[in-house]
Amino acid sequence: MTSLTSEELGYYRLNRRAWTLLAPVYDSVTAPFSRLRCTVAELVPLAAGARVLDVATGTGAQAFAFAEKAREVVGVDISPAM
């Protein structure tokens, strides 16, 4: 396993600080896009019993939109605050 560079560590620190501040208001700021999330989920052709992985799920809004169609949805995010 390799060590992270100081640049990488700085990126992760900045990421944690930024999303800790933005997470509480993220859904209200992105509310105008909620219909778009449903449209994206409708347009993606999923097979019966499909499983969806939502990477960088944030608050999970897109994952919830896919939950209407998929058998299982898993969301992961680098930010604990999200």
PDB file of N, CA and C in Angstrom:
ATOM      1  N   MET A   1       0.842  -1.176   0.000  1.00  0.00           N
ATOM      2  CA  MET A   1       0.000   0.000   0.000  1.00  0.00           C
ATOM      3  C   MET A   1       0.889   1.242   0.000  1.00  0.00           C
ATOM      4  N   THR A   2       0.553   2.205  -0.829  1.00  0.00           N
ATOM      5  CA  THR A   2       1.376   3.410  -0.909  1.00  0.00           C
ATOM      6  C   THR A   2       0.800   4.506  -0.025  1.00  0.00           C
ATOM      7  N   SER A   3       1.667   5.398   0.385  1.00  0.00           N
ATOM      8  CA  SER A   3       1.250   6.541   1.185  1.00  0.00           C
ATOM      9  C   SER A   3       0.684   7.620   0.284  1.00  0.00           C
ATOM     10  N   LEU A   4      -0.195   8.421   0.836  1.00  0.00           N
ATOM     11  CA  LEU A   4      -0.747   9.542   0.079  1.00  0.00           C
ATOM     12  C   LEU A   4       0.256  10.685   0.071  1.00  0.00           C
ATOM     13  N   THR A   5       0.306  11.410  -1.022  1.00  0.00           N
ATOM     14  CA  THR A   5       1.171  12.583  -1.107  1.00  0.00           C
ATOM     15  C   THR A   5       0.537  13.714  -0.313  1.00  0.00           C
ATOM     16  N   SER A   6       1.300  14.745  -0.051  1.00  0.00           N
ATOM     17  CA  SER A   6       0.756  15.904   0.666  1.00  0.00           C
ATOM     18  C   SER A   6      -0.351  16.573  -0.154  1.00  0.00           C
ATOM     19  N   GLU A   7      -0.219  16.531  -1.479  1.00  0.00           N
ATOM     20  CA  GLU A   7      -1.257  17.087  -2.348  1.00  0.00           C
ATOM     21  C   GLU A   7      -2.559  16.287  -2.213  1.00  0.00           C
ATOM     22  N   GLU A   8      -2.454  14.982  -2.183  1.00  0.00           N
ATOM     23  CA  GLU A   8      -3.639  14.131  -2.022  1.00  0.00           C
ATOM     24  C   GLU A   8      -4.285  14.339  -0.654  1.00  0.00           C
ATOM     25  N   LEU A   9      -3.466  14.404   0.382  1.00  0.00           N
ATOM     26  CA  LEU A   9      -3.997  14.653   1.723  1.00  0.00           C
ATOM     27  C   LEU A   9      -4.720  15.998   1.784  1.00  0.00           C
ATOM     28  N   GLY A  10      -4.133  17.009   1.145  1.00  0.00           N
ATOM     29  CA  GLY A  10      -4.769  18.323   1.094  1.00  0.00           C
ATOM     30  C   GLY A  10      -6.110  18.277   0.390  1.00  0.00           C
ATOM     31  N   TYR A  11      -6.182  17.518  -0.699  1.00  0.00           N
ATOM     32  CA  TYR A  11      -7.438  17.366  -1.439  1.00  0.00           C
ATOM     33  C   TYR A  11      -8.511  16.752  -0.542  1.00  0.00           C
ATOM     34  N   TYR A  12      -8.167  15.690   0.167  1.00  0.00           N
ATOM     35  CA  TYR A  12      -9.148  15.021   1.018  1.00  0.00           C
ATOM     36  C   TYR A  12      -9.580  15.912   2.185  1.00  0.00           C
ATOM     37  N   ARG A  13      -8.677  16.687   2.726  1.00  0.00           N
ATOM     38  CA  ARG A  13      -9.047  17.626   3.797  1.00  0.00           C
ATOM     39  C   ARG A  13     -10.003  18.682   3.273  1.00  0.00           C
ATOM     40  N   LEU A  14      -9.688  19.242   2.106  1.00  0.00           N
ATOM     41  CA  LEU A  14     -10.558  20.248   1.488  1.00  0.00           C
ATOM     42  C   LEU A  14     -11.929  19.647   1.180  1.00  0.00           C
ATOM     43  N   ASN A  15     -11.948  18.445   0.651  1.00  0.00           N
ATOM     44  CA  ASN A  15     -13.198  17.763   0.342  1.00  0.00           C
ATOM     45  C   ASN A  15     -14.067  17.622   1.589  1.00  0.00           C
ATOM     46  N   ARG A  16     -13.466  17.170   2.684  1.00  0.00           N
ATOM     47  CA  ARG A  16     -14.225  17.003   3.931  1.00  0.00           C
ATOM     48  C   ARG A  16     -14.782  18.334   4.419  1.00  0.00           C
ATOM     49  N   ARG A  17     -13.966  19.389   4.395  1.00  0.00           N
ATOM     50  CA  ARG A  17     -14.440  20.698   4.863  1.00  0.00           C
ATOM     51  C   ARG A  17     -15.561  21.225   3.987  1.00  0.00           C
ATOM     52  N   ALA A  18     -15.381  21.148   2.673  1.00  0.00           N
ATOM     53  CA  ALA A  18     -16.376  21.691   1.745  1.00  0.00           C
ATOM     54  C   ALA A  18     -17.715  20.990   1.903  1.00  0.00           C
ATOM     55  N   TRP A  19     -17.716  19.664   1.898  1.00  0.00           N
ATOM     56  CA  TRP A  19     -18.992  18.943   1.967  1.00  0.00           C
ATOM     57  C   TRP A  19     -19.612  18.992   3.349  1.00  0.00           C
ATOM     58  N   THR A  20     -18.821  19.175   4.391  1.00  0.00           N
ATOM     59  CA  THR A  20     -19.397  19.365   5.721  1.00  0.00           C
ATOM     60  C   THR A  20     -20.222  20.650   5.743  1.00  0.00           C
ATOM     61  N   LEU A  21     -19.746  21.675   5.044  1.00  0.00           N
ATOM     62  CA  LEU A  21     -20.495  22.937   4.961  1.00  0.00           C
ATOM     63  C   LEU A  21     -21.681  22.853   4.006  1.00  0.00           C
ATOM     64  N   LEU A  22     -21.509  22.166   2.882  1.00  0.00           N
ATOM     65  CA  LEU A  22     -22.546  22.140   1.850  1.00  0.00           C
ATOM     66  C   LEU A  22     -23.629  21.084   2.062  1.00  0.00           C
ATOM     67  N   ALA A  23     -23.308  19.999   2.727  1.00  0.00           N
ATOM     68  CA  ALA A  23     -24.261  18.894   2.869  1.00  0.00           C
ATOM     69  C   ALA A  23     -25.617  19.313   3.439  1.00  0.00           C
ATOM     70  N   PRO A  24     -25.659  20.148   4.482  1.00  0.00           N
ATOM     71  CA  PRO A  24     -26.969  20.498   5.052  1.00  0.00           C
ATOM     72  C   PRO A  24     -27.902  21.256   4.100  1.00  0.00           C
ATOM     73  N   VAL A  25     -27.341  21.937   3.108  1.00  0.00           N
ATOM     74  CA  VAL A  25     -28.187  22.731   2.193  1.00  0.00           C
ATOM     75  C   VAL A  25     -28.221  22.161   0.775  1.00  0.00           C
ATOM     76  N   TYR A  26     -27.517  21.068   0.532  1.00  0.00           N
ATOM     77  CA  TYR A  26     -27.365  20.535  -0.813  1.00  0.00           C
ATOM     78  C   TYR A  26     -28.703  20.227  -1.488  1.00  0.00           C
ATOM     79  N   ASP A  27     -29.589  19.529  -0.802  1.00  0.00           N
ATOM     80  CA  ASP A  27     -30.864  19.160  -1.421  1.00  0.00           C
ATOM     81  C   ASP A  27     -31.728  20.374  -1.746  1.00  0.00           C
ATOM     82  N   SER A  28     -31.706  21.379  -0.894  1.00  0.00           N
ATOM     83  CA  SER A  28     -32.518  22.569  -1.195  1.00  0.00           C
ATOM     84  C   SER A  28     -31.938  23.360  -2.371  1.00  0.00           C
ATOM     85  N   VAL A  29     -30.634  23.367  -2.510  1.00  0.00           N
ATOM     86  CA  VAL A  29     -29.988  24.072  -3.622  1.00  0.00           C
ATOM     87  C   VAL A  29     -30.218  23.333  -4.940  1.00  0.00           C
ATOM     88  N   THR A  30     -30.237  22.012  -4.881  1.00  0.00           N
ATOM     89  CA  THR A  30     -30.392  21.220  -6.105  1.00  0.00           C
ATOM     90  C   THR A  30     -31.846  20.805  -6.358  1.00  0.00           C
ATOM     91  N   ALA A  31     -32.780  21.299  -5.582  1.00  0.00           N
ATOM     92  CA  ALA A  31     -34.197  20.948  -5.741  1.00  0.00           C
ATOM     93  C   ALA A  31     -34.721  21.134  -7.165  1.00  0.00           C
ATOM     94  N   PRO A  32     -34.307  22.192  -7.883  1.00  0.00           N
ATOM     95  CA  PRO A  32     -34.815  22.345  -9.255  1.00  0.00           C
ATOM     96  C   PRO A  32     -34.458  21.175 -10.168  1.00  0.00           C
ATOM     97  N   PHE A  33     -33.501  20.367  -9.795  1.00  0.00           N
ATOM     98  CA  PHE A  33     -33.080  19.245 -10.621  1.00  0.00           C
ATOM     99  C   PHE A  33     -33.762  17.936 -10.246  1.00  0.00           C
ATOM    100  N   SER A  34     -34.679  17.969  -9.288  1.00  0.00           N
ATOM    101  CA  SER A  34     -35.281  16.723  -8.817  1.00  0.00           C
ATOM    102  C   SER A  34     -36.040  16.003  -9.927  1.00  0.00           C
ATOM    103  N   ARG A  35     -36.729  16.732 -10.779  1.00  0.00           N
ATOM    104  CA  ARG A  35     -37.434  16.094 -11.891  1.00  0.00           C
ATOM    105  C   ARG A  35     -36.440  15.485 -12.885  1.00  0.00           C
ATOM    106  N   LEU A  36     -35.307  16.148 -13.066  1.00  0.00           N
ATOM    107  CA  LEU A  36     -34.277  15.623 -13.954  1.00  0.00           C
ATOM    108  C   LEU A  36     -33.773  14.272 -13.454  1.00  0.00           C
ATOM    109  N   ARG A  37     -33.634  14.135 -12.150  1.00  0.00           N
ATOM    110  CA  ARG A  37     -33.183  12.852 -11.587  1.00  0.00           C
ATOM    111  C   ARG A  37     -34.162  11.736 -11.935  1.00  0.00           C
ATOM    112  N   CYS A  38     -35.444  12.023 -11.826  1.00  0.00           N
ATOM    113  CA  CYS A  38     -36.464  11.022 -12.187  1.00  0.00           C
ATOM    114  C   CYS A  38     -36.385  10.696 -13.674  1.00  0.00           C
ATOM    115  N   THR A  39     -36.170  11.715 -14.509  1.00  0.00           N
ATOM    116  CA  THR A  39     -36.060  11.499 -15.950  1.00  0.00           C
ATOM    117  C   THR A  39     -34.862  10.617 -16.277  1.00  0.00           C
ATOM    118  N   VAL A  40     -33.737  10.865 -15.626  1.00  0.00           N
ATOM    119  CA  VAL A  40     -32.540  10.048 -15.844  1.00  0.00           C
ATOM    120  C   VAL A  40     -32.849   8.593 -15.484  1.00  0.00           C
ATOM    121  N   ALA A  41     -33.488   8.381 -14.355  1.00  0.00           N
ATOM    122  CA  ALA A  41     -33.816   7.014 -13.933  1.00  0.00           C
ATOM    123  C   ALA A  41     -34.769   6.351 -14.927  1.00  0.00           C
ATOM    124  N   GLU A  42     -35.682   7.109 -15.480  1.00  0.00           N
ATOM    125  CA  GLU A  42     -36.629   6.560 -16.462  1.00  0.00           C
ATOM    126  C   GLU A  42     -35.936   6.211 -17.782  1.00  0.00           C
ATOM    127  N   LEU A  43     -34.947   7.003 -18.166  1.00  0.00           N
ATOM    128  CA  LEU A  43     -34.276   6.799 -19.452  1.00  0.00           C
ATOM    129  C   LEU A  43     -33.268   5.649 -19.457  1.00  0.00           C
ATOM    130  N   VAL A  44     -32.754   5.299 -18.304  1.00  0.00           N
ATOM    131  CA  VAL A  44     -31.765   4.230 -18.235  1.00  0.00           C
ATOM    132  C   VAL A  44     -32.484   2.884 -18.356  1.00  0.00           C
ATOM    133  N   PRO A  45     -32.123   2.100 -19.375  1.00  0.00           N
ATOM    134  CA  PRO A  45     -32.786   0.808 -19.563  1.00  0.00           C
ATOM    135  C   PRO A  45     -32.231  -0.236 -18.583  1.00  0.00           C
ATOM    136  N   LEU A  46     -32.989  -0.531 -17.564  1.00  0.00           N
ATOM    137  CA  LEU A  46     -32.561  -1.516 -16.574  1.00  0.00           C
ATOM    138  C   LEU A  46     -33.251  -2.847 -16.841  1.00  0.00           C
ATOM    139  N   ALA A  47     -32.487  -3.916 -16.727  1.00  0.00           N
ATOM    140  CA  ALA A  47     -33.057  -5.252 -16.855  1.00  0.00           C
ATOM    141  C   ALA A  47     -33.886  -5.568 -15.612  1.00  0.00           C
ATOM    142  N   ALA A  48     -34.792  -6.507 -15.750  1.00  0.00           N
ATOM    143  CA  ALA A  48     -35.594  -6.931 -14.600  1.00  0.00           C
ATOM    144  C   ALA A  48     -34.658  -7.387 -13.483  1.00  0.00           C
ATOM    145  N   GLY A  49     -34.921  -6.963 -12.284  1.00  0.00           N
ATOM    146  CA  GLY A  49     -34.093  -7.348 -11.147  1.00  0.00           C
ATOM    147  C   GLY A  49     -32.744  -6.666 -11.104  1.00  0.00           C
ATOM    148  N   ALA A  50     -32.603  -5.552 -11.794  1.00  0.00           N
ATOM    149  CA  ALA A  50     -31.311  -4.855 -11.882  1.00  0.00           C
ATOM    150  C   ALA A  50     -30.864  -4.335 -10.519  1.00  0.00           C
ATOM    151  N   ARG A  51     -29.553  -4.261 -10.400  1.00  0.00           N
ATOM    152  CA  ARG A  51     -28.925  -3.648  -9.233  1.00  0.00           C
ATOM    153  C   ARG A  51     -28.185  -2.410  -9.729  1.00  0.00           C
ATOM    154  N   VAL A  52     -28.270  -1.318  -8.968  1.00  0.00           N
ATOM    155  CA  VAL A  52     -27.657  -0.051  -9.360  1.00  0.00           C
ATOM    156  C   VAL A  52     -26.650   0.365  -8.300  1.00  0.00           C
ATOM    157  N   LEU A  53     -25.476   0.801  -8.756  1.00  0.00           N
ATOM    158  CA  LEU A  53     -24.469   1.374  -7.871  1.00  0.00           C
ATOM    159  C   LEU A  53     -24.362   2.850  -8.206  1.00  0.00           C
ATOM    160  N   ASP A  54     -24.682   3.708  -7.249  1.00  0.00           N
ATOM    161  CA  ASP A  54     -24.607   5.152  -7.430  1.00  0.00           C
ATOM    162  C   ASP A  54     -23.339   5.646  -6.736  1.00  0.00           C
ATOM    163  N   VAL A  55     -22.304   5.923  -7.536  1.00  0.00           N
ATOM    164  CA  VAL A  55     -21.022   6.381  -7.006  1.00  0.00           C
ATOM    165  C   VAL A  55     -21.069   7.904  -6.898  1.00  0.00           C
ATOM    166  N   ALA A  56     -20.564   8.438  -5.797  1.00  0.00           N
ATOM    167  CA  ALA A  56     -20.665   9.866  -5.471  1.00  0.00           C
ATOM    168  C   ALA A  56     -22.132  10.223  -5.302  1.00  0.00           C
ATOM    169  N   THR A  57     -22.825   9.420  -4.512  1.00  0.00           N
ATOM    170  CA  THR A  57     -24.272   9.534  -4.341  1.00  0.00           C
ATOM    171  C   THR A  57     -24.708  10.811  -3.638  1.00  0.00           C
ATOM    172  N   GLY A  58     -23.805  11.441  -2.904  1.00  0.00           N
ATOM    173  CA  GLY A  58     -24.202  12.664  -2.207  1.00  0.00           C
ATOM    174  C   GLY A  58     -25.284  12.357  -1.196  1.00  0.00           C
ATOM    175  N   THR A  59     -26.405  13.037  -1.284  1.00  0.00           N
ATOM    176  CA  THR A  59     -27.513  12.816  -0.352  1.00  0.00           C
ATOM    177  C   THR A  59     -28.372  11.641  -0.762  1.00  0.00           C
ATOM    178  N   GLY A  60     -28.073  11.032  -1.898  1.00  0.00           N
ATOM    179  CA  GLY A  60     -28.801   9.855  -2.337  1.00  0.00           C
ATOM    180  C   GLY A  60     -30.021  10.144  -3.192  1.00  0.00           C
ATOM    181  N   ALA A  61     -30.225  11.385  -3.596  1.00  0.00           N
ATOM    182  CA  ALA A  61     -31.412  11.740  -4.373  1.00  0.00           C
ATOM    183  C   ALA A  61     -31.517  10.935  -5.676  1.00  0.00           C
ATOM    184  N   GLN A  62     -30.410  10.767  -6.389  1.00  0.00           N
ATOM    185  CA  GLN A  62     -30.458   9.982  -7.626  1.00  0.00           C
ATOM    186  C   GLN A  62     -30.669   8.508  -7.306  1.00  0.00           C
ATOM    187  N   ALA A  63     -30.067   8.031  -6.247  1.00  0.00           N
ATOM    188  CA  ALA A  63     -30.261   6.636  -5.840  1.00  0.00           C
ATOM    189  C   ALA A  63     -31.732   6.369  -5.528  1.00  0.00           C
ATOM    190  N   PHE A  64     -32.380   7.295  -4.843  1.00  0.00           N
ATOM    191  CA  PHE A  64     -33.803   7.134  -4.545  1.00  0.00           C
ATOM    192  C   PHE A  64     -34.640   7.128  -5.818  1.00  0.00           C
ATOM    193  N   ALA A  65     -34.248   7.919  -6.801  1.00  0.00           N
ATOM    194  CA  ALA A  65     -34.967   7.920  -8.082  1.00  0.00           C
ATOM    195  C   ALA A  65     -34.835   6.557  -8.761  1.00  0.00           C
ATOM    196  N   PHE A  66     -33.663   5.942  -8.686  1.00  0.00           N
ATOM    197  CA  PHE A  66     -33.472   4.611  -9.268  1.00  0.00           C
ATOM    198  C   PHE A  66     -34.192   3.535  -8.463  1.00  0.00           C
ATOM    199  N   ALA A  67     -34.413   3.771  -7.188  1.00  0.00           N
ATOM    200  CA  ALA A  67     -35.054   2.772  -6.326  1.00  0.00           C
ATOM    201  C   ALA A  67     -36.470   2.438  -6.798  1.00  0.00           C
ATOM    202  N   GLU A  68     -37.075   3.330  -7.579  1.00  0.00           N
ATOM    203  CA  GLU A  68     -38.404   3.062  -8.122  1.00  0.00           C
ATOM    204  C   GLU A  68     -38.367   1.953  -9.167  1.00  0.00           C
ATOM    205  N   LYS A  69     -37.204   1.729  -9.806  1.00  0.00           N
ATOM    206  CA  LYS A  69     -37.074   0.772 -10.908  1.00  0.00           C
ATOM    207  C   LYS A  69     -36.229  -0.448 -10.584  1.00  0.00           C
ATOM    208  N   ALA A  70     -35.257  -0.298  -9.738  1.00  0.00           N
ATOM    209  CA  ALA A  70     -34.261  -1.350  -9.523  1.00  0.00           C
ATOM    210  C   ALA A  70     -34.626  -2.235  -8.338  1.00  0.00           C
ATOM    211  N   ARG A  71     -34.109  -3.445  -8.382  1.00  0.00           N
ATOM    212  CA  ARG A  71     -34.301  -4.361  -7.256  1.00  0.00           C
ATOM    213  C   ARG A  71     -33.509  -3.884  -6.041  1.00  0.00           C
ATOM    214  N   GLU A  72     -32.306  -3.369  -6.316  1.00  0.00           N
ATOM    215  CA  GLU A  72     -31.431  -2.924  -5.233  1.00  0.00           C
ATOM    216  C   GLU A  72     -30.621  -1.735  -5.713  1.00  0.00           C
ATOM    217  N   VAL A  73     -30.463  -0.741  -4.843  1.00  0.00           N
ATOM    218  CA  VAL A  73     -29.632   0.419  -5.144  1.00  0.00           C
ATOM    219  C   VAL A  73     -28.668   0.620  -3.964  1.00  0.00           C
ATOM    220  N   VAL A  74     -27.398   0.768  -4.301  1.00  0.00           N
ATOM    221  CA  VAL A  74     -26.378   1.037  -3.285  1.00  0.00           C
ATOM    222  C   VAL A  74     -25.727   2.359  -3.647  1.00  0.00           C
ATOM    223  N   GLY A  75     -25.640   3.261  -2.686  1.00  0.00           N
ATOM    224  CA  GLY A  75     -24.993   4.543  -2.910  1.00  0.00           C
ATOM    225  C   GLY A  75     -23.751   4.658  -2.044  1.00  0.00           C
ATOM    226  N   VAL A  76     -22.663   5.138  -2.640  1.00  0.00           N
ATOM    227  CA  VAL A  76     -21.421   5.360  -1.898  1.00  0.00           C
ATOM    228  C   VAL A  76     -20.930   6.768  -2.184  1.00  0.00           C
ATOM    229  N   ASP A  77     -20.281   7.351  -1.200  1.00  0.00           N
ATOM    230  CA  ASP A  77     -19.756   8.701  -1.362  1.00  0.00           C
ATOM    231  C   ASP A  77     -18.495   8.846  -0.532  1.00  0.00           C
ATOM    232  N   ILE A  78     -17.561   9.622  -1.027  1.00  0.00           N
ATOM    233  CA  ILE A  78     -16.293   9.834  -0.331  1.00  0.00           C
ATOM    234  C   ILE A  78     -16.495  10.708   0.925  1.00  0.00           C
ATOM    235  N   SER A  79     -17.565  11.482   0.937  1.00  0.00           N
ATOM    236  CA  SER A  79     -17.790  12.434   2.013  1.00  0.00           C
ATOM    237  C   SER A  79     -18.735  11.875   3.082  1.00  0.00           C
ATOM    238  N   PRO A  80     -18.260  11.713   4.299  1.00  0.00           N
ATOM    239  CA  PRO A  80     -19.138  11.252   5.369  1.00  0.00           C
ATOM    240  C   PRO A  80     -20.317  12.209   5.593  1.00  0.00           C
ATOM    241  N   ALA A  81     -20.112  13.488   5.371  1.00  0.00           N
ATOM    242  CA  ALA A  81     -21.185  14.471   5.578  1.00  0.00           C
ATOM    243  C   ALA A  81     -22.347  14.275   4.606  1.00  0.00           C
ATOM    244  N   MET A  82     -22.026  13.822   3.401  1.00  0.00           N
ATOM    245  CA  MET A  82     -23.082  13.601   2.416  1.00  0.00           C
ATOM    246  C   MET A  82     -23.804  12.296   2.709  1.00  0.00           C
TER     247      MET A  82
END
